Structure formats: C-alpha cells, structure tokens
C-alpha cells in the first residue's frame, strides 16, 4: 500500500469527504471506479471533484454523512499495482544515492514542493535542495545522476 494523503473531514450530509493529498499523480488516482484504502477497507470512488485545497470524494455504498464519519482523520492509501504511472513515484526514489558528474553528494531523503516545482532533498556532508528538473536530473536507475551548474551546491 502506498500512502497518498489524509481524509480530514466530511462535507455536507450526502457522504462526501475531504482529502488532503500532495500525491504527484492525483489525476490518475482520483477517478470514478478507482479504489482507495482507508482503515484497511477497500472503497470504490463514486464521484470526484476539486474544491480549494481538497480532493472531494464520495464512495459507492456510502450515501450519508453518518456512513463516512468513521473515516475522519484517517490515512488514505492506494494499491500501486492497480495503476500505471507515467514516471517514477517520488516514494520509490527515497534512499537512492545521488551523484553529480560521477561524484557522490549524498542520499535522497525527500522530495518537497517548492514555489515553482519539486525539490530533491539530498543529505550528504550538508543538506542540499536541488530543483527536480530535466536540466539537472540526467538519469534515474539504481542511483540518481545529476549534472548541476557550478555554484548550485557548495561542494567542499
């Protein structure tokens, strides 16, 4: 199971729920007839819409606020084997060794959202924040190979 967010509240009286998620491929996951897993229960998405920062979801067989209250505050998961994603999942990259022009600089700890995109959080001698863009990320296999511009990271 792959964690994708939190069901933070209900919305209205017809069983709609509010999910907060920063998952990279929400556009693939949040579709009618796809499954989400909450509290070890498999739930089929009936409807989906976006509202402010929330992913608003109703589930088949849950038509009343009282039916979904038990999910409030729960973590939301997917079975990643049920999906085909067009690229790497950020979660699959954590722990990989990171090299800049064949020089080891650290291990990927996290990928965070920055102002205009994602940032790789690499922990080595220091912690580095590197833009996750094609211009810098040259190859991802067993390791992550970068080609950074001079001065982007302070290499002592």
N, C-alpha and C. Protein backbone atom coordinates (compact mmCIF):
# COMPACT_ATOMS: atom_id res chain seq x y z
N UNK A 1 0.83 -1.19 0.00
CA UNK A 1 0.00 0.00 0.00
C UNK A 1 0.88 1.25 0.00
N UNK A 2 0.42 2.25 -0.71
CA UNK A 2 1.15 3.50 -0.85
C UNK A 2 0.30 4.63 -0.28
N UNK A 3 0.86 5.34 0.70
CA UNK A 3 0.17 6.45 1.33
C UNK A 3 0.06 7.62 0.36
N UNK A 4 -1.16 8.19 0.21
CA UNK A 4 -1.33 9.32 -0.70
C UNK A 4 -1.93 10.56 -0.03
N UNK A 5 -2.40 10.45 1.22
CA UNK A 5 -2.96 11.63 1.86
C UNK A 5 -3.78 11.29 3.09
N UNK A 6 -4.53 12.30 3.56
CA UNK A 6 -5.38 12.14 4.75
C UNK A 6 -6.80 12.56 4.43
N UNK A 7 -7.74 11.77 4.94
CA UNK A 7 -9.15 12.16 4.87
C UNK A 7 -9.39 13.03 6.11
N UNK A 8 -9.51 14.34 5.90
CA UNK A 8 -9.52 15.27 7.02
C UNK A 8 -10.91 15.59 7.55
N UNK A 9 -11.94 15.42 6.72
CA UNK A 9 -13.27 15.77 7.20
C UNK A 9 -14.32 15.27 6.22
N UNK A 10 -15.57 15.44 6.63
CA UNK A 10 -16.70 15.19 5.74
C UNK A 10 -17.14 16.53 5.17
N UNK A 11 -18.04 16.47 4.17
CA UNK A 11 -18.54 17.70 3.56
C UNK A 11 -20.01 17.48 3.21
N UNK A 12 -20.87 18.26 3.81
CA UNK A 12 -22.30 18.09 3.54
C UNK A 12 -22.86 16.86 4.22
N UNK A 13 -24.07 16.49 3.83
CA UNK A 13 -24.75 15.37 4.50
C UNK A 13 -24.89 14.13 3.63
N UNK A 14 -24.37 14.17 2.39
CA UNK A 14 -24.55 13.05 1.46
C UNK A 14 -23.34 12.15 1.35
N UNK A 15 -22.44 12.18 2.32
CA UNK A 15 -21.33 11.25 2.35
C UNK A 15 -20.08 11.70 1.62
N UNK A 16 -20.01 12.97 1.24
CA UNK A 16 -18.81 13.46 0.57
C UNK A 16 -17.70 13.67 1.60
N UNK A 17 -16.45 13.40 1.20
CA UNK A 17 -15.31 13.52 2.11
C UNK A 17 -14.28 14.48 1.54
N UNK A 18 -13.48 15.06 2.43
CA UNK A 18 -12.39 15.97 2.05
C UNK A 18 -11.06 15.27 2.28
N UNK A 19 -10.29 15.17 1.22
CA UNK A 19 -8.97 14.54 1.32
C UNK A 19 -7.91 15.58 0.99
N UNK A 20 -6.88 15.63 1.81
CA UNK A 20 -5.70 16.47 1.54
C UNK A 20 -4.61 15.54 1.01
N UNK A 21 -4.12 15.84 -0.19
CA UNK A 21 -3.12 14.98 -0.80
C UNK A 21 -2.14 15.80 -1.63
N UNK A 22 -0.86 15.48 -1.49
CA UNK A 22 0.18 16.07 -2.34
C UNK A 22 0.73 15.04 -3.31
N UNK A 23 0.00 13.96 -3.50
CA UNK A 23 0.46 12.88 -4.36
C UNK A 23 0.64 13.39 -5.79
N UNK A 24 1.74 13.01 -6.40
CA UNK A 24 2.14 13.51 -7.71
C UNK A 24 1.13 13.18 -8.82
N UNK A 25 0.52 12.01 -8.76
CA UNK A 25 -0.36 11.56 -9.84
C UNK A 25 -1.82 11.49 -9.39
N UNK A 26 -2.29 12.53 -8.72
CA UNK A 26 -3.69 12.56 -8.28
C UNK A 26 -4.65 12.46 -9.46
N UNK A 27 -4.26 13.03 -10.60
CA UNK A 27 -5.13 12.99 -11.77
C UNK A 27 -5.38 11.57 -12.27
N UNK A 28 -4.52 10.64 -11.92
CA UNK A 28 -4.70 9.24 -12.31
C UNK A 28 -5.48 8.48 -11.24
N UNK A 29 -5.23 8.78 -9.99
CA UNK A 29 -5.82 8.04 -8.87
C UNK A 29 -7.27 8.44 -8.60
N UNK A 30 -7.53 9.74 -8.55
CA UNK A 30 -8.86 10.21 -8.17
C UNK A 30 -9.80 10.23 -9.37
N UNK A 31 -10.27 9.05 -9.75
CA UNK A 31 -11.24 8.89 -10.84
C UNK A 31 -12.31 7.91 -10.39
N UNK A 32 -13.55 8.13 -10.85
CA UNK A 32 -14.61 7.17 -10.51
C UNK A 32 -14.21 5.74 -10.88
N UNK A 33 -14.60 4.81 -10.03
CA UNK A 33 -14.35 3.36 -10.14
C UNK A 33 -12.96 2.94 -9.70
N UNK A 34 -12.06 3.87 -9.39
CA UNK A 34 -10.77 3.51 -8.81
C UNK A 34 -10.96 3.24 -7.32
N UNK A 35 -10.00 2.52 -6.75
CA UNK A 35 -10.10 2.14 -5.34
C UNK A 35 -9.15 2.96 -4.47
N UNK A 36 -9.64 3.30 -3.28
CA UNK A 36 -8.82 3.86 -2.22
C UNK A 36 -8.94 2.92 -1.04
N UNK A 37 -7.95 2.92 -0.18
CA UNK A 37 -7.95 2.06 1.00
C UNK A 37 -7.84 2.93 2.24
N UNK A 38 -8.85 2.83 3.11
CA UNK A 38 -8.88 3.60 4.34
C UNK A 38 -9.23 2.64 5.47
N UNK A 39 -8.42 2.64 6.53
CA UNK A 39 -8.62 1.73 7.67
C UNK A 39 -8.77 0.28 7.20
N UNK A 40 -7.90 -0.12 6.28
CA UNK A 40 -7.90 -1.48 5.72
C UNK A 40 -9.20 -1.84 5.00
N UNK A 41 -9.96 -0.86 4.61
CA UNK A 41 -11.21 -1.08 3.88
C UNK A 41 -11.03 -0.58 2.45
N UNK A 42 -11.43 -1.43 1.49
CA UNK A 42 -11.34 -1.06 0.08
C UNK A 42 -12.61 -0.29 -0.29
N UNK A 43 -12.40 0.96 -0.79
CA UNK A 43 -13.52 1.82 -1.13
C UNK A 43 -13.43 2.23 -2.59
N UNK A 44 -14.53 2.07 -3.33
CA UNK A 44 -14.57 2.44 -4.74
C UNK A 44 -15.06 3.88 -4.86
N UNK A 45 -14.31 4.69 -5.60
CA UNK A 45 -14.68 6.09 -5.80
C UNK A 45 -15.93 6.18 -6.67
N UNK A 46 -16.92 6.91 -6.17
CA UNK A 46 -18.15 7.14 -6.92
C UNK A 46 -18.06 8.47 -7.67
N UNK A 47 -17.69 9.54 -6.96
CA UNK A 47 -17.54 10.84 -7.60
C UNK A 47 -16.27 11.51 -7.09
N UNK A 48 -15.76 12.43 -7.90
CA UNK A 48 -14.58 13.21 -7.51
C UNK A 48 -14.72 14.62 -8.05
N UNK A 49 -14.29 15.58 -7.24
CA UNK A 49 -14.18 16.97 -7.68
C UNK A 49 -13.12 17.65 -6.84
N UNK A 50 -12.61 18.73 -7.37
CA UNK A 50 -11.61 19.53 -6.67
C UNK A 50 -12.34 20.71 -6.04
N UNK A 51 -11.99 21.04 -4.77
CA UNK A 51 -12.58 22.18 -4.08
C UNK A 51 -11.52 22.80 -3.19
N UNK A 52 -11.06 24.01 -3.56
CA UNK A 52 -9.98 24.70 -2.85
C UNK A 52 -8.77 23.79 -2.80
N UNK A 53 -8.24 23.48 -1.61
CA UNK A 53 -7.07 22.60 -1.48
C UNK A 53 -7.46 21.13 -1.34
N UNK A 54 -8.73 20.83 -1.43
CA UNK A 54 -9.21 19.49 -1.11
C UNK A 54 -9.55 18.68 -2.36
N UNK A 55 -9.40 17.39 -2.22
CA UNK A 55 -9.90 16.43 -3.19
C UNK A 55 -11.19 15.88 -2.59
N UNK A 56 -12.31 16.20 -3.21
CA UNK A 56 -13.63 15.83 -2.68
C UNK A 56 -14.06 14.52 -3.32
N UNK A 57 -14.31 13.52 -2.47
CA UNK A 57 -14.58 12.17 -2.95
C UNK A 57 -15.81 11.60 -2.26
N UNK A 58 -16.67 10.93 -3.04
CA UNK A 58 -17.73 10.09 -2.46
C UNK A 58 -17.42 8.65 -2.86
N UNK A 59 -17.91 7.73 -2.05
CA UNK A 59 -17.65 6.31 -2.27
C UNK A 59 -18.94 5.55 -2.53
N UNK A 60 -18.86 4.53 -3.37
CA UNK A 60 -20.02 3.69 -3.65
C UNK A 60 -20.50 3.02 -2.36
N UNK A 61 -21.80 3.08 -2.12
CA UNK A 61 -22.38 2.45 -0.95
C UNK A 61 -22.36 3.33 0.30
N UNK A 62 -21.80 4.52 0.20
CA UNK A 62 -21.75 5.46 1.32
C UNK A 62 -22.46 6.73 0.90
N UNK A 63 -23.72 6.86 1.31
CA UNK A 63 -24.56 7.96 0.82
C UNK A 63 -25.00 8.93 1.90
N UNK A 64 -24.42 8.81 3.07
CA UNK A 64 -24.85 9.63 4.21
C UNK A 64 -23.63 10.01 5.04
N UNK A 65 -23.67 11.19 5.64
CA UNK A 65 -22.56 11.65 6.47
C UNK A 65 -22.23 10.65 7.59
N UNK A 66 -23.25 10.01 8.13
CA UNK A 66 -23.03 9.06 9.24
C UNK A 66 -22.24 7.83 8.79
N UNK A 67 -22.31 7.50 7.49
CA UNK A 67 -21.58 6.35 6.97
C UNK A 67 -20.07 6.62 6.88
N UNK A 68 -19.69 7.89 6.63
CA UNK A 68 -18.28 8.21 6.40
C UNK A 68 -17.58 8.87 7.59
N UNK A 69 -18.32 9.19 8.63
CA UNK A 69 -17.70 9.82 9.81
C UNK A 69 -16.58 8.98 10.40
N UNK A 70 -16.70 7.65 10.28
CA UNK A 70 -15.68 6.75 10.84
C UNK A 70 -14.32 6.90 10.15
N UNK A 71 -14.30 7.49 8.95
CA UNK A 71 -13.05 7.65 8.21
C UNK A 71 -12.34 8.97 8.53
N UNK A 72 -13.01 9.88 9.22
CA UNK A 72 -12.46 11.21 9.51
C UNK A 72 -11.13 11.06 10.27
N UNK A 73 -10.10 11.74 9.78
CA UNK A 73 -8.78 11.69 10.41
C UNK A 73 -7.92 10.51 10.00
N UNK A 74 -8.38 9.71 9.04
CA UNK A 74 -7.66 8.50 8.63
C UNK A 74 -6.71 8.77 7.47
N UNK A 75 -5.70 7.93 7.36
CA UNK A 75 -4.76 7.98 6.24
C UNK A 75 -5.39 7.27 5.05
N UNK A 76 -5.07 7.76 3.84
CA UNK A 76 -5.63 7.22 2.60
C UNK A 76 -4.49 6.58 1.82
N UNK A 77 -4.74 5.36 1.33
CA UNK A 77 -3.74 4.59 0.60
C UNK A 77 -4.29 4.12 -0.74
N UNK A 78 -3.37 3.77 -1.63
CA UNK A 78 -3.73 3.07 -2.86
C UNK A 78 -2.87 1.81 -2.95
N UNK A 79 -3.32 0.88 -3.77
CA UNK A 79 -2.50 -0.27 -4.12
C UNK A 79 -1.82 0.11 -5.43
N UNK A 80 -0.53 0.41 -5.39
CA UNK A 80 0.13 0.93 -6.59
C UNK A 80 0.17 -0.09 -7.73
N UNK A 81 -0.08 -1.36 -7.44
CA UNK A 81 -0.14 -2.36 -8.50
C UNK A 81 -1.37 -2.20 -9.39
N UNK A 82 -2.35 -1.42 -8.92
CA UNK A 82 -3.58 -1.20 -9.69
C UNK A 82 -3.43 -0.07 -10.71
N UNK A 83 -2.26 0.58 -10.74
CA UNK A 83 -2.07 1.77 -11.58
C UNK A 83 -0.81 1.66 -12.41
N UNK A 84 -0.84 2.37 -13.54
CA UNK A 84 0.35 2.56 -14.38
C UNK A 84 0.64 4.05 -14.35
N UNK A 85 1.78 4.43 -13.78
CA UNK A 85 2.16 5.83 -13.69
C UNK A 85 3.18 6.14 -14.78
N UNK A 86 3.11 7.35 -15.36
CA UNK A 86 3.99 7.68 -16.49
C UNK A 86 5.46 7.90 -16.12
N UNK A 87 5.75 8.06 -14.85
CA UNK A 87 7.13 8.28 -14.43
C UNK A 87 7.39 7.61 -13.11
N UNK A 88 8.47 7.98 -12.48
CA UNK A 88 8.81 7.43 -11.18
C UNK A 88 7.91 8.02 -10.11
N UNK A 89 7.55 7.19 -9.15
CA UNK A 89 6.89 7.70 -7.96
C UNK A 89 7.97 8.25 -7.04
N UNK A 90 7.73 9.41 -6.48
CA UNK A 90 8.72 10.01 -5.58
C UNK A 90 9.09 9.04 -4.47
N UNK A 91 8.12 8.32 -3.95
CA UNK A 91 8.35 7.40 -2.84
C UNK A 91 9.32 6.28 -3.19
N UNK A 92 9.41 5.93 -4.48
CA UNK A 92 10.34 4.88 -4.92
C UNK A 92 11.78 5.38 -5.02
N UNK A 93 11.98 6.69 -4.99
CA UNK A 93 13.31 7.25 -5.15
C UNK A 93 14.03 7.48 -3.82
N UNK A 94 13.27 7.53 -2.73
CA UNK A 94 13.87 7.81 -1.43
C UNK A 94 14.93 6.76 -1.08
N UNK A 95 16.07 7.23 -0.59
CA UNK A 95 17.16 6.33 -0.19
C UNK A 95 18.17 6.07 -1.30
N UNK A 96 17.89 6.52 -2.52
CA UNK A 96 18.84 6.31 -3.61
C UNK A 96 20.05 7.22 -3.43
N UNK A 97 21.21 6.73 -3.86
CA UNK A 97 22.43 7.52 -3.83
C UNK A 97 22.38 8.53 -4.98
N UNK A 98 22.87 9.75 -4.69
CA UNK A 98 22.83 10.84 -5.67
C UNK A 98 24.26 11.24 -6.03
N UNK A 99 24.51 11.34 -7.35
CA UNK A 99 25.83 11.70 -7.86
C UNK A 99 25.71 12.92 -8.76
N UNK A 100 26.67 13.83 -8.63
CA UNK A 100 26.77 14.96 -9.54
C UNK A 100 28.03 14.75 -10.36
N UNK A 101 27.87 14.50 -11.67
CA UNK A 101 29.01 14.24 -12.55
C UNK A 101 29.92 13.17 -11.96
N UNK A 102 29.35 12.05 -11.55
CA UNK A 102 30.05 10.89 -11.00
C UNK A 102 30.66 11.11 -9.62
N UNK A 103 30.41 12.25 -8.99
CA UNK A 103 30.89 12.50 -7.63
C UNK A 103 29.72 12.33 -6.67
N UNK A 104 29.87 11.43 -5.70
CA UNK A 104 28.81 11.17 -4.73
C UNK A 104 28.56 12.41 -3.87
N UNK A 105 27.29 12.84 -3.79
CA UNK A 105 26.99 14.01 -2.96
C UNK A 105 26.06 13.68 -1.80
N UNK A 106 25.39 12.52 -1.82
CA UNK A 106 24.54 12.16 -0.71
C UNK A 106 23.44 11.20 -1.10
N UNK A 107 22.45 11.10 -0.21
CA UNK A 107 21.32 10.20 -0.39
C UNK A 107 20.03 11.02 -0.45
N UNK A 108 19.13 10.62 -1.33
CA UNK A 108 17.86 11.33 -1.45
C UNK A 108 16.99 11.01 -0.23
N UNK A 109 16.66 12.04 0.53
CA UNK A 109 15.84 11.88 1.73
C UNK A 109 14.37 12.15 1.47
N UNK A 110 14.09 13.13 0.60
CA UNK A 110 12.71 13.54 0.42
C UNK A 110 12.60 14.32 -0.88
N UNK A 111 11.38 14.50 -1.34
CA UNK A 111 11.08 15.39 -2.46
C UNK A 111 9.96 16.29 -1.97
N UNK A 112 10.21 17.60 -1.99
CA UNK A 112 9.23 18.54 -1.46
C UNK A 112 8.77 19.48 -2.56
N UNK A 113 7.60 20.07 -2.34
CA UNK A 113 7.09 21.06 -3.29
C UNK A 113 7.73 22.40 -2.98
N UNK A 114 8.31 23.02 -4.00
CA UNK A 114 8.86 24.36 -3.86
C UNK A 114 7.92 25.34 -4.52
N UNK A 115 8.35 26.57 -4.65
CA UNK A 115 7.50 27.60 -5.24
C UNK A 115 7.06 27.30 -6.66
N UNK A 116 7.97 26.81 -7.49
CA UNK A 116 7.62 26.59 -8.89
C UNK A 116 7.77 25.13 -9.32
N UNK A 117 8.01 24.26 -8.39
CA UNK A 117 8.17 22.85 -8.74
C UNK A 117 8.65 22.04 -7.55
N UNK A 118 9.18 20.87 -7.85
CA UNK A 118 9.65 19.99 -6.79
C UNK A 118 11.15 20.16 -6.56
N UNK A 119 11.55 19.90 -5.32
CA UNK A 119 12.96 19.98 -4.94
C UNK A 119 13.40 18.64 -4.36
N UNK A 120 14.57 18.18 -4.79
CA UNK A 120 15.18 16.99 -4.21
C UNK A 120 15.88 17.41 -2.92
N UNK A 121 15.62 16.72 -1.83
CA UNK A 121 16.31 16.96 -0.57
C UNK A 121 17.37 15.89 -0.44
N UNK A 122 18.63 16.28 -0.63
CA UNK A 122 19.75 15.33 -0.63
C UNK A 122 20.58 15.58 0.63
N UNK A 123 20.81 14.51 1.40
CA UNK A 123 21.59 14.61 2.63
C UNK A 123 22.96 13.98 2.38
N UNK A 124 23.99 14.81 2.49
CA UNK A 124 25.38 14.37 2.35
C UNK A 124 26.17 15.02 3.47
N UNK A 125 27.29 15.67 3.12
CA UNK A 125 28.03 16.45 4.11
C UNK A 125 27.13 17.55 4.67
N UNK A 126 26.27 18.04 3.80
CA UNK A 126 25.27 19.06 4.15
C UNK A 126 23.94 18.57 3.59
N UNK A 127 22.91 19.35 3.82
CA UNK A 127 21.64 19.06 3.18
C UNK A 127 21.51 19.99 1.97
N UNK A 128 21.23 19.41 0.81
CA UNK A 128 21.11 20.18 -0.42
C UNK A 128 19.67 20.15 -0.91
N UNK A 129 19.21 21.28 -1.44
CA UNK A 129 17.91 21.37 -2.11
C UNK A 129 18.20 21.61 -3.59
N UNK A 130 17.81 20.64 -4.42
CA UNK A 130 18.14 20.68 -5.84
C UNK A 130 16.85 20.63 -6.65
N UNK A 131 16.65 21.56 -7.57
CA UNK A 131 15.44 21.52 -8.40
C UNK A 131 15.32 20.19 -9.14
N UNK A 132 14.13 19.59 -9.06
CA UNK A 132 13.87 18.31 -9.72
C UNK A 132 13.37 18.62 -11.14
N UNK A 133 14.34 18.96 -12.01
CA UNK A 133 14.04 19.31 -13.40
C UNK A 133 14.94 18.52 -14.33
N UNK A 134 14.47 18.34 -15.57
CA UNK A 134 15.22 17.55 -16.56
C UNK A 134 16.61 18.12 -16.84
N UNK A 135 16.76 19.43 -16.70
CA UNK A 135 18.06 20.06 -16.98
C UNK A 135 19.14 19.57 -16.00
N UNK A 136 18.74 19.19 -14.78
CA UNK A 136 19.71 18.76 -13.76
C UNK A 136 19.71 17.24 -13.56
N UNK A 137 18.56 16.61 -13.66
CA UNK A 137 18.44 15.16 -13.42
C UNK A 137 18.65 14.46 -14.76
N UNK A 138 19.81 13.82 -14.90
CA UNK A 138 20.17 13.20 -16.17
C UNK A 138 19.72 11.75 -16.28
N UNK A 139 19.73 11.03 -15.16
CA UNK A 139 19.41 9.60 -15.23
C UNK A 139 18.96 9.11 -13.86
N UNK A 140 17.93 8.25 -13.88
CA UNK A 140 17.48 7.60 -12.65
C UNK A 140 17.42 6.11 -12.92
N UNK A 141 18.25 5.38 -12.23
CA UNK A 141 18.25 3.91 -12.28
C UNK A 141 18.42 3.43 -10.85
N UNK A 142 19.49 2.68 -10.58
CA UNK A 142 19.79 2.29 -9.21
C UNK A 142 20.19 3.51 -8.40
N UNK A 143 20.78 4.50 -9.07
CA UNK A 143 21.21 5.75 -8.47
C UNK A 143 20.58 6.90 -9.23
N UNK A 144 20.75 8.10 -8.70
CA UNK A 144 20.30 9.31 -9.38
C UNK A 144 21.53 10.08 -9.84
N UNK A 145 21.62 10.31 -11.14
CA UNK A 145 22.77 11.01 -11.70
C UNK A 145 22.34 12.42 -12.12
N UNK A 146 23.08 13.40 -11.59
CA UNK A 146 22.79 14.80 -11.86
C UNK A 146 23.90 15.44 -12.67
N UNK A 147 23.58 16.53 -13.32
CA UNK A 147 24.56 17.38 -13.99
C UNK A 147 24.20 18.81 -13.62
N UNK A 148 24.74 19.26 -12.48
CA UNK A 148 24.38 20.56 -11.92
C UNK A 148 25.26 21.67 -12.44
N UNK A 149 24.72 22.88 -12.45
CA UNK A 149 25.52 24.03 -12.81
C UNK A 149 26.42 24.40 -11.65
N UNK A 150 27.55 24.99 -11.96
CA UNK A 150 28.53 25.38 -10.94
C UNK A 150 27.89 26.38 -9.98
N UNK A 151 28.09 26.14 -8.69
CA UNK A 151 27.57 27.04 -7.67
C UNK A 151 26.20 26.68 -7.12
N UNK A 152 25.51 25.71 -7.73
CA UNK A 152 24.19 25.33 -7.22
C UNK A 152 24.28 24.69 -5.85
N UNK A 153 25.30 23.84 -5.70
CA UNK A 153 25.56 23.27 -4.38
C UNK A 153 26.99 23.63 -3.98
N UNK A 154 27.21 23.77 -2.70
CA UNK A 154 28.54 24.11 -2.21
C UNK A 154 29.28 22.81 -1.93
N UNK A 155 30.18 22.43 -2.83
CA UNK A 155 30.94 21.18 -2.69
C UNK A 155 32.32 21.48 -2.12
N UNK A 156 32.48 21.21 -0.84
CA UNK A 156 33.79 21.43 -0.18
C UNK A 156 34.66 20.22 -0.31
